[in-house]
Amino acid sequence: VLNERESTVLTEENSILWQDLVKVSSSPGGKRPKA
């Protein structure tokens, strides 16, 4: 997502991962990915 979000196609499997990522990773501060 960090490197290729524009070209990432959401499949049935990774759409679930995407929902999980948004829930656990969209609130903390900082530049680097975290959860």
PDB file of all heavy atoms in Angstrom:
ATOM      1  N   VAL A   1       0.836  -1.201   0.000  1.00  0.00           N
ATOM      2  CA  VAL A   1       0.000   0.000   0.000  1.00  0.00           C
ATOM      3  C   VAL A   1       0.871   1.253   0.000  1.00  0.00           C
ATOM      4  O   VAL A   1       0.606   2.223  -0.714  1.00  0.00           O
ATOM      5  CB  VAL A   1      -0.938  -0.009   1.227  1.00  0.00           C
ATOM      6  CG1 VAL A   1      -1.583   1.359   1.426  1.00  0.00           C
ATOM      7  CG2 VAL A   1      -2.003  -1.078   1.065  1.00  0.00           C
ATOM      8  N   LEU A   2       1.936   1.224   0.795  1.00  0.00           N
ATOM      9  CA  LEU A   2       2.809   2.386   0.898  1.00  0.00           C
ATOM     10  C   LEU A   2       3.500   2.693  -0.425  1.00  0.00           C
ATOM     11  O   LEU A   2       3.634   3.850  -0.823  1.00  0.00           O
ATOM     12  CB  LEU A   2       3.856   2.156   1.989  1.00  0.00           C
ATOM     13  CG  LEU A   2       4.768   3.330   2.335  1.00  0.00           C
ATOM     14  CD1 LEU A   2       3.960   4.470   2.936  1.00  0.00           C
ATOM     15  CD2 LEU A   2       5.860   2.904   3.306  1.00  0.00           C
ATOM     16  N   ASN A   3       3.905   1.649  -1.132  1.00  0.00           N
ATOM     17  CA  ASN A   3       4.711   1.837  -2.337  1.00  0.00           C
ATOM     18  C   ASN A   3       3.914   1.825  -3.633  1.00  0.00           C
ATOM     19  O   ASN A   3       4.311   2.430  -4.619  1.00  0.00           O
ATOM     20  CB  ASN A   3       5.795   0.759  -2.404  1.00  0.00           C
ATOM     21  CG  ASN A   3       6.751   0.826  -1.234  1.00  0.00           C
ATOM     22  OD1 ASN A   3       7.090   1.909  -0.780  1.00  0.00           O
ATOM     23  ND2 ASN A   3       7.177  -0.328  -0.737  1.00  0.00           N
ATOM     24  N   GLU A   4       2.768   1.105  -3.638  1.00  0.00           N
ATOM     25  CA  GLU A   4       2.073   0.884  -4.909  1.00  0.00           C
ATOM     26  C   GLU A   4       0.569   1.058  -4.790  1.00  0.00           C
ATOM     27  O   GLU A   4      -0.196   0.402  -5.498  1.00  0.00           O
ATOM     28  CB  GLU A   4       2.354  -0.543  -5.421  1.00  0.00           C
ATOM     29  CG  GLU A   4       3.810  -0.934  -5.462  1.00  0.00           C
ATOM     30  CD  GLU A   4       3.991  -2.439  -5.634  1.00  0.00           C
ATOM     31  OE1 GLU A   4       3.010  -3.134  -5.941  1.00  0.00           O
ATOM     32  OE2 GLU A   4       5.125  -2.911  -5.446  1.00  0.00           O
ATOM     33  N   ARG A   5       0.110   1.939  -3.905  1.00  0.00           N
ATOM     34  CA  ARG A   5      -1.330   2.005  -3.643  1.00  0.00           C
ATOM     35  C   ARG A   5      -2.138   2.315  -4.893  1.00  0.00           C
ATOM     36  O   ARG A   5      -3.207   1.751  -5.116  1.00  0.00           O
ATOM     37  CB  ARG A   5      -1.629   3.066  -2.564  1.00  0.00           C
ATOM     38  CG  ARG A   5      -3.107   3.083  -2.173  1.00  0.00           C
ATOM     39  CD  ARG A   5      -3.486   1.783  -1.471  1.00  0.00           C
ATOM     40  NE  ARG A   5      -4.938   1.622  -1.374  1.00  0.00           N
ATOM     41  CZ  ARG A   5      -5.641   0.847  -2.161  1.00  0.00           C
ATOM     42  NH1 ARG A   5      -5.067   0.158  -3.120  1.00  0.00           N
ATOM     43  NH2 ARG A   5      -6.946   0.733  -1.996  1.00  0.00           N
ATOM     44  N   GLU A   6      -1.635   3.206  -5.726  1.00  0.00           N
ATOM     45  CA  GLU A   6      -2.398   3.603  -6.907  1.00  0.00           C
ATOM     46  C   GLU A   6      -2.653   2.430  -7.839  1.00  0.00           C
ATOM     47  O   GLU A   6      -3.679   2.356  -8.504  1.00  0.00           O
ATOM     48  CB  GLU A   6      -1.660   4.720  -7.669  1.00  0.00           C
ATOM     49  CG  GLU A   6      -1.467   6.004  -6.874  1.00  0.00           C
ATOM     50  CD  GLU A   6      -2.742   6.808  -6.717  1.00  0.00           C
ATOM     51  OE1 GLU A   6      -3.761   6.410  -7.308  1.00  0.00           O
ATOM     52  OE2 GLU A   6      -2.726   7.815  -5.992  1.00  0.00           O
ATOM     53  N   SER A   7      -1.701   1.479  -7.884  1.00  0.00           N
ATOM     54  CA  SER A   7      -1.829   0.357  -8.818  1.00  0.00           C
ATOM     55  C   SER A   7      -2.319  -0.917  -8.144  1.00  0.00           C
ATOM     56  O   SER A   7      -2.488  -1.940  -8.808  1.00  0.00           O
ATOM     57  CB  SER A   7      -0.477   0.091  -9.490  1.00  0.00           C
ATOM     58  OG  SER A   7       0.513  -0.212  -8.537  1.00  0.00           O
ATOM     59  N   THR A   8      -2.552  -0.876  -6.827  1.00  0.00           N
ATOM     60  CA  THR A   8      -3.006  -2.067  -6.121  1.00  0.00           C
ATOM     61  C   THR A   8      -4.470  -2.339  -6.438  1.00  0.00           C
ATOM     62  O   THR A   8      -5.332  -1.481  -6.281  1.00  0.00           O
ATOM     63  CB  THR A   8      -2.839  -1.906  -4.596  1.00  0.00           C
ATOM     64  OG1 THR A   8      -1.463  -1.712  -4.311  1.00  0.00           O
ATOM     65  CG2 THR A   8      -3.336  -3.134  -3.858  1.00  0.00           C
ATOM     66  N   VAL A   9      -4.746  -3.536  -6.919  1.00  0.00           N
ATOM     67  CA  VAL A   9      -6.110  -3.942  -7.221  1.00  0.00           C
ATOM     68  C   VAL A   9      -6.653  -4.736  -6.036  1.00  0.00           C
ATOM     69  O   VAL A   9      -6.039  -5.701  -5.585  1.00  0.00           O
ATOM     70  CB  VAL A   9      -6.172  -4.810  -8.497  1.00  0.00           C
ATOM     71  CG1 VAL A   9      -7.600  -5.284  -8.745  1.00  0.00           C
ATOM     72  CG2 VAL A   9      -5.642  -4.033  -9.692  1.00  0.00           C
ATOM     73  N   LEU A  10      -7.792  -4.308  -5.511  1.00  0.00           N
ATOM     74  CA  LEU A  10      -8.365  -4.982  -4.361  1.00  0.00           C
ATOM     75  C   LEU A  10      -9.115  -6.237  -4.797  1.00  0.00           C
ATOM     76  O   LEU A  10     -10.128  -6.172  -5.489  1.00  0.00           O
ATOM     77  CB  LEU A  10      -9.310  -4.041  -3.606  1.00  0.00           C
ATOM     78  CG  LEU A  10      -8.664  -2.874  -2.874  1.00  0.00           C
ATOM     79  CD1 LEU A  10      -9.715  -2.061  -2.137  1.00  0.00           C
ATOM     80  CD2 LEU A  10      -7.601  -3.353  -1.904  1.00  0.00           C
ATOM     81  N   THR A  11      -8.599  -7.384  -4.395  1.00  0.00           N
ATOM     82  CA  THR A  11      -9.272  -8.662  -4.625  1.00  0.00           C
ATOM     83  C   THR A  11     -10.125  -8.973  -3.402  1.00  0.00           C
ATOM     84  O   THR A  11     -10.114  -8.251  -2.406  1.00  0.00           O
ATOM     85  CB  THR A  11      -8.244  -9.777  -4.824  1.00  0.00           C
ATOM     86  OG1 THR A  11      -7.485  -9.916  -3.611  1.00  0.00           O
ATOM     87  CG2 THR A  11      -7.294  -9.442  -5.965  1.00  0.00           C
ATOM     88  N   GLU A  12     -10.867 -10.076  -3.470  1.00  0.00           N
ATOM     89  CA  GLU A  12     -11.693 -10.456  -2.327  1.00  0.00           C
ATOM     90  C   GLU A  12     -10.832 -10.680  -1.087  1.00  0.00           C
ATOM     91  O   GLU A  12     -11.203 -10.318   0.023  1.00  0.00           O
ATOM     92  CB  GLU A  12     -12.477 -11.727  -2.652  1.00  0.00           C
ATOM     93  CG  GLU A  12     -13.416 -12.165  -1.530  1.00  0.00           C
ATOM     94  CD  GLU A  12     -14.251 -13.377  -1.902  1.00  0.00           C
ATOM     95  OE1 GLU A  12     -14.217 -13.790  -3.085  1.00  0.00           O
ATOM     96  OE2 GLU A  12     -14.922 -13.909  -1.008  1.00  0.00           O
ATOM     97  N   GLU A  13      -9.630 -11.261  -1.301  1.00  0.00           N
ATOM     98  CA  GLU A  13      -8.755 -11.558  -0.171  1.00  0.00           C
ATOM     99  C   GLU A  13      -8.107 -10.300   0.392  1.00  0.00           C
ATOM    100  O   GLU A  13      -8.178 -10.038   1.596  1.00  0.00           O
ATOM    101  CB  GLU A  13      -7.653 -12.535  -0.595  1.00  0.00           C
ATOM    102  CG  GLU A  13      -6.688 -12.849   0.540  1.00  0.00           C
ATOM    103  CD  GLU A  13      -5.522 -13.727   0.099  1.00  0.00           C
ATOM    104  OE1 GLU A  13      -5.283 -13.836  -1.108  1.00  0.00           O
ATOM    105  OE2 GLU A  13      -4.843 -14.275   0.986  1.00  0.00           O
ATOM    106  N   ASN A  14      -7.485  -9.495  -0.485  1.00  0.00           N
ATOM    107  CA  ASN A  14      -6.767  -8.360   0.087  1.00  0.00           C
ATOM    108  C   ASN A  14      -7.681  -7.187   0.445  1.00  0.00           C
ATOM    109  O   ASN A  14      -7.254  -6.250   1.111  1.00  0.00           O
ATOM    110  CB  ASN A  14      -5.599  -7.916  -0.807  1.00  0.00           C
ATOM    111  CG  ASN A  14      -6.033  -7.302  -2.123  1.00  0.00           C
ATOM    112  OD1 ASN A  14      -7.173  -6.883  -2.292  1.00  0.00           O
ATOM    113  ND2 ASN A  14      -5.110  -7.252  -3.082  1.00  0.00           N
ATOM    114  N   SER A  15      -8.939  -7.226   0.027  1.00  0.00           N
ATOM    115  CA  SER A  15      -9.860  -6.187   0.482  1.00  0.00           C
ATOM    116  C   SER A  15     -10.130  -6.336   1.977  1.00  0.00           C
ATOM    117  O   SER A  15     -10.321  -5.350   2.694  1.00  0.00           O
ATOM    118  CB  SER A  15     -11.177  -6.231  -0.303  1.00  0.00           C
ATOM    119  OG  SER A  15     -11.897  -7.394  -0.013  1.00  0.00           O
ATOM    120  N   ILE A  16     -10.111  -7.584   2.461  1.00  0.00           N
ATOM    121  CA  ILE A  16     -10.253  -7.821   3.896  1.00  0.00           C
ATOM    122  C   ILE A  16      -9.004  -7.316   4.617  1.00  0.00           C
ATOM    123  O   ILE A  16      -9.081  -6.667   5.665  1.00  0.00           O
ATOM    124  CB  ILE A  16     -10.481  -9.316   4.178  1.00  0.00           C
ATOM    125  CG1 ILE A  16     -11.800  -9.758   3.553  1.00  0.00           C
ATOM    126  CG2 ILE A  16     -10.488  -9.589   5.683  1.00  0.00           C
ATOM    127  CD1 ILE A  16     -12.050 -11.242   3.637  1.00  0.00           C
ATOM    128  N   LEU A  17      -7.827  -7.611   4.033  1.00  0.00           N
ATOM    129  CA  LEU A  17      -6.577  -7.094   4.605  1.00  0.00           C
ATOM    130  C   LEU A  17      -6.592  -5.566   4.637  1.00  0.00           C
ATOM    131  O   LEU A  17      -6.128  -4.949   5.603  1.00  0.00           O
ATOM    132  CB  LEU A  17      -5.378  -7.573   3.782  1.00  0.00           C
ATOM    133  CG  LEU A  17      -4.817  -8.959   4.085  1.00  0.00           C
ATOM    134  CD1 LEU A  17      -3.750  -9.314   3.066  1.00  0.00           C
ATOM    135  CD2 LEU A  17      -4.254  -9.025   5.495  1.00  0.00           C
ATOM    136  N   TRP A  18      -7.123  -4.967   3.578  1.00  0.00           N
ATOM    137  CA  TRP A  18      -7.189  -3.510   3.494  1.00  0.00           C
ATOM    138  C   TRP A  18      -8.069  -2.941   4.604  1.00  0.00           C
ATOM    139  O   TRP A  18      -7.700  -1.975   5.271  1.00  0.00           O
ATOM    140  CB  TRP A  18      -7.713  -3.106   2.118  1.00  0.00           C
ATOM    141  CG  TRP A  18      -8.046  -1.652   1.948  1.00  0.00           C
ATOM    142  CD1 TRP A  18      -9.234  -1.125   1.570  1.00  0.00           C
ATOM    143  CD2 TRP A  18      -7.177  -0.537   2.153  1.00  0.00           C
ATOM    144  NE1 TRP A  18      -9.167   0.237   1.525  1.00  0.00           N
ATOM    145  CE2 TRP A  18      -7.910   0.626   1.877  1.00  0.00           C
ATOM    146  CE3 TRP A  18      -5.846  -0.417   2.546  1.00  0.00           C
ATOM    147  CZ2 TRP A  18      -7.372   1.895   1.978  1.00  0.00           C
ATOM    148  CZ3 TRP A  18      -5.303   0.863   2.654  1.00  0.00           C
ATOM    149  CH2 TRP A  18      -6.055   1.994   2.368  1.00  0.00           C
ATOM    150  N   GLN A  19      -9.216  -3.559   4.843  1.00  0.00           N
ATOM    151  CA  GLN A  19     -10.087  -3.103   5.928  1.00  0.00           C
ATOM    152  C   GLN A  19      -9.381  -3.227   7.282  1.00  0.00           C
ATOM    153  O   GLN A  19      -9.474  -2.330   8.120  1.00  0.00           O
ATOM    154  CB  GLN A  19     -11.380  -3.926   5.931  1.00  0.00           C
ATOM    155  CG  GLN A  19     -12.269  -3.688   4.720  1.00  0.00           C
ATOM    156  CD  GLN A  19     -13.421  -4.672   4.662  1.00  0.00           C
ATOM    157  OE1 GLN A  19     -13.935  -5.103   5.688  1.00  0.00           O
ATOM    158  NE2 GLN A  19     -13.830  -5.049   3.461  1.00  0.00           N
ATOM    159  N   ASP A  20      -8.671  -4.347   7.474  1.00  0.00           N
ATOM    160  CA  ASP A  20      -7.931  -4.536   8.720  1.00  0.00           C
ATOM    161  C   ASP A  20      -6.837  -3.483   8.873  1.00  0.00           C
ATOM    162  O   ASP A  20      -6.631  -2.931   9.966  1.00  0.00           O
ATOM    163  CB  ASP A  20      -7.299  -5.935   8.754  1.00  0.00           C
ATOM    164  CG  ASP A  20      -8.333  -7.043   8.878  1.00  0.00           C
ATOM    165  OD1 ASP A  20      -9.519  -6.727   9.129  1.00  0.00           O
ATOM    166  OD2 ASP A  20      -7.947  -8.213   8.716  1.00  0.00           O
ATOM    167  N   LEU A  21      -6.131  -3.190   7.779  1.00  0.00           N
ATOM    168  CA  LEU A  21      -5.036  -2.223   7.813  1.00  0.00           C
ATOM    169  C   LEU A  21      -5.556  -0.839   8.185  1.00  0.00           C
ATOM    170  O   LEU A  21      -4.947  -0.128   8.996  1.00  0.00           O
ATOM    171  CB  LEU A  21      -4.330  -2.179   6.457  1.00  0.00           C
ATOM    172  CG  LEU A  21      -3.051  -1.337   6.374  1.00  0.00           C
ATOM    173  CD1 LEU A  21      -1.955  -1.928   7.250  1.00  0.00           C
ATOM    174  CD2 LEU A  21      -2.569  -1.240   4.927  1.00  0.00           C
ATOM    175  N   VAL A  22      -6.686  -0.436   7.603  1.00  0.00           N
ATOM    176  CA  VAL A  22      -7.265   0.869   7.907  1.00  0.00           C
ATOM    177  C   VAL A  22      -7.635   0.965   9.383  1.00  0.00           C
ATOM    178  O   VAL A  22      -7.397   1.977  10.043  1.00  0.00           O
ATOM    179  CB  VAL A  22      -8.500   1.136   7.016  1.00  0.00           C
ATOM    180  CG1 VAL A  22      -9.271   2.355   7.515  1.00  0.00           C
ATOM    181  CG2 VAL A  22      -8.067   1.354   5.567  1.00  0.00           C
ATOM    182  N   LYS A  23      -8.190  -0.124   9.923  1.00  0.00           N
ATOM    183  CA  LYS A  23      -8.619  -0.102  11.326  1.00  0.00           C
ATOM    184  C   LYS A  23      -7.449   0.028  12.289  1.00  0.00           C
ATOM    185  O   LYS A  23      -7.523   0.769  13.273  1.00  0.00           O
ATOM    186  CB  LYS A  23      -9.409  -1.375  11.650  1.00  0.00           C
ATOM    187  CG  LYS A  23     -10.799  -1.428  11.034  1.00  0.00           C
ATOM    188  CD  LYS A  23     -11.489  -2.726  11.414  1.00  0.00           C
ATOM    189  CE  LYS A  23     -12.853  -2.848  10.770  1.00  0.00           C
ATOM    190  NZ  LYS A  23     -13.509  -4.136  11.103  1.00  0.00           N
ATOM    191  N   VAL A  24      -6.361  -0.692  12.042  1.00  0.00           N
ATOM    192  CA  VAL A  24      -5.275  -0.739  13.032  1.00  0.00           C
ATOM    193  C   VAL A  24      -4.138   0.234  12.744  1.00  0.00           C
ATOM    194  O   VAL A  24      -3.273   0.428  13.604  1.00  0.00           O
ATOM    195  CB  VAL A  24      -4.681  -2.166  13.172  1.00  0.00           C
ATOM    196  CG1 VAL A  24      -5.759  -3.154  13.544  1.00  0.00           C
ATOM    197  CG2 VAL A  24      -3.947  -2.607  11.916  1.00  0.00           C
ATOM    198  N   SER A  25      -4.124   0.852  11.557  1.00  0.00           N
ATOM    199  CA  SER A  25      -2.941   1.632  11.178  1.00  0.00           C
ATOM    200  C   SER A  25      -3.210   3.073  10.790  1.00  0.00           C
ATOM    201  O   SER A  25      -2.276   3.787  10.437  1.00  0.00           O
ATOM    202  CB  SER A  25      -2.223   0.941  10.005  1.00  0.00           C
ATOM    203  OG  SER A  25      -1.748  -0.325  10.373  1.00  0.00           O
ATOM    204  N   SER A  26      -4.453   3.533  10.846  1.00  0.00           N
ATOM    205  CA  SER A  26      -4.729   4.871  10.315  1.00  0.00           C
ATOM    206  C   SER A  26      -4.721   5.975  11.357  1.00  0.00           C
ATOM    207  O   SER A  26      -4.911   7.137  11.019  1.00  0.00           O
ATOM    208  CB  SER A  26      -6.090   4.872   9.594  1.00  0.00           C
ATOM    209  OG  SER A  26      -7.118   4.426  10.458  1.00  0.00           O
ATOM    210  N   SER A  27      -4.494   5.650  12.638  1.00  0.00           N
ATOM    211  CA  SER A  27      -4.524   6.700  13.658  1.00  0.00           C
ATOM    212  C   SER A  27      -3.175   7.081  14.254  1.00  0.00           C
ATOM    213  O   SER A  27      -3.016   8.222  14.687  1.00  0.00           O
ATOM    214  CB  SER A  27      -5.482   6.308  14.799  1.00  0.00           C
ATOM    215  OG  SER A  27      -5.068   5.114  15.418  1.00  0.00           O
ATOM    216  N   PRO A  28      -2.165   6.180  14.347  1.00  0.00           N
ATOM    217  CA  PRO A  28      -0.911   6.599  14.995  1.00  0.00           C
ATOM    218  C   PRO A  28      -0.120   7.587  14.152  1.00  0.00           C
ATOM    219  O   PRO A  28      -0.229   7.616  12.930  1.00  0.00           O
ATOM    220  CB  PRO A  28      -0.148   5.279  15.178  1.00  0.00           C
ATOM    221  CG  PRO A  28      -0.682   4.368  14.143  1.00  0.00           C
ATOM    222  CD  PRO A  28      -2.123   4.752  13.977  1.00  0.00           C
ATOM    223  N   GLY A  29       0.703   8.402  14.838  1.00  0.00           N
ATOM    224  CA  GLY A  29       1.528   9.382  14.149  1.00  0.00           C
ATOM    225  C   GLY A  29       2.821   8.775  13.635  1.00  0.00           C
ATOM    226  O   GLY A  29       3.069   7.578  13.752  1.00  0.00           O
ATOM    227  N   GLY A  30       3.661   9.650  13.059  1.00  0.00           N
ATOM    228  CA  GLY A  30       4.955   9.204  12.557  1.00  0.00           C
ATOM    229  C   GLY A  30       4.961   8.925  11.072  1.00  0.00           C
ATOM    230  O   GLY A  30       3.925   8.818  10.425  1.00  0.00           O
ATOM    231  N   LYS A  31       6.177   8.794  10.523  1.00  0.00           N
ATOM    232  CA  LYS A  31       6.345   8.587   9.083  1.00  0.00           C
ATOM    233  C   LYS A  31       6.297   7.126   8.689  1.00  0.00           C
ATOM    234  O   LYS A  31       5.863   6.781   7.601  1.00  0.00           O
ATOM    235  CB  LYS A  31       7.675   9.193   8.629  1.00  0.00           C
ATOM    236  CG  LYS A  31       7.773  10.692   8.803  1.00  0.00           C
ATOM    237  CD  LYS A  31       9.097  11.224   8.300  1.00  0.00           C
ATOM    238  CE  LYS A  31      10.257  10.803   9.175  1.00  0.00           C
ATOM    239  NZ  LYS A  31      11.544  11.402   8.764  1.00  0.00           N
ATOM    240  N   ARG A  32       6.776   6.238   9.571  1.00  0.00           N
ATOM    241  CA  ARG A  32       6.926   4.838   9.208  1.00  0.00           C
ATOM    242  C   ARG A  32       5.661   4.041   9.503  1.00  0.00           C
ATOM    243  O   ARG A  32       4.926   4.343  10.440  1.00  0.00           O
ATOM    244  CB  ARG A  32       8.119   4.231   9.956  1.00  0.00           C
ATOM    245  CG  ARG A  32       9.446   4.896   9.607  1.00  0.00           C
ATOM    246  CD  ARG A  32      10.622   4.130  10.191  1.00  0.00           C
ATOM    247  NE  ARG A  32      10.640   2.752   9.734  1.00  0.00           N
ATOM    248  CZ  ARG A  32      11.043   2.371   8.516  1.00  0.00           C
ATOM    249  NH1 ARG A  32      11.461   3.279   7.657  1.00  0.00           N
ATOM    250  NH2 ARG A  32      11.025   1.102   8.176  1.00  0.00           N
ATOM    251  N   PRO A  33       5.411   2.978   8.713  1.00  0.00           N
ATOM    252  CA  PRO A  33       4.216   2.154   8.927  1.00  0.00           C
ATOM    253  C   PRO A  33       4.205   1.529  10.314  1.00  0.00           C
ATOM    254  O   PRO A  33       5.223   1.043  10.801  1.00  0.00           O
ATOM    255  CB  PRO A  33       4.334   1.083   7.838  1.00  0.00           C
ATOM    256  CG  PRO A  33       5.206   1.678   6.788  1.00  0.00           C
ATOM    257  CD  PRO A  33       6.180   2.545   7.522  1.00  0.00           C
ATOM    258  N   LYS A  34       3.026   1.540  10.931  1.00  0.00           N
ATOM    259  CA  LYS A  34       2.880   0.934  12.250  1.00  0.00           C
ATOM    260  C   LYS A  34       1.429   0.514  12.441  1.00  0.00           C
ATOM    261  O   LYS A  34       0.548   0.883  11.656  1.00  0.00           O
ATOM    262  CB  LYS A  34       3.322   1.889  13.345  1.00  0.00           C
ATOM    263  CG  LYS A  34       2.586   3.202  13.384  1.00  0.00           C
ATOM    264  CD  LYS A  34       3.285   4.213  14.283  1.00  0.00           C
ATOM    265  CE  LYS A  34       4.640   4.603  13.755  1.00  0.00           C
ATOM    266  NZ  LYS A  34       5.175   5.851  14.251  1.00  0.00           N
ATOM    267  N   ALA A  35       1.187  -0.265  13.476  1.00  0.00           N
ATOM    268  CA  ALA A  35      -0.156  -0.757  13.738  1.00  0.00           C
ATOM    269  C   ALA A  35      -0.445  -0.694  15.229  1.00  0.00           C
ATOM    270  O   ALA A  35       0.447  -0.854  16.058  1.00  0.00           O
ATOM    271  CB  ALA A  35      -0.306  -2.189  13.231  1.00  0.00           C
TER     272      ALA A  35
END
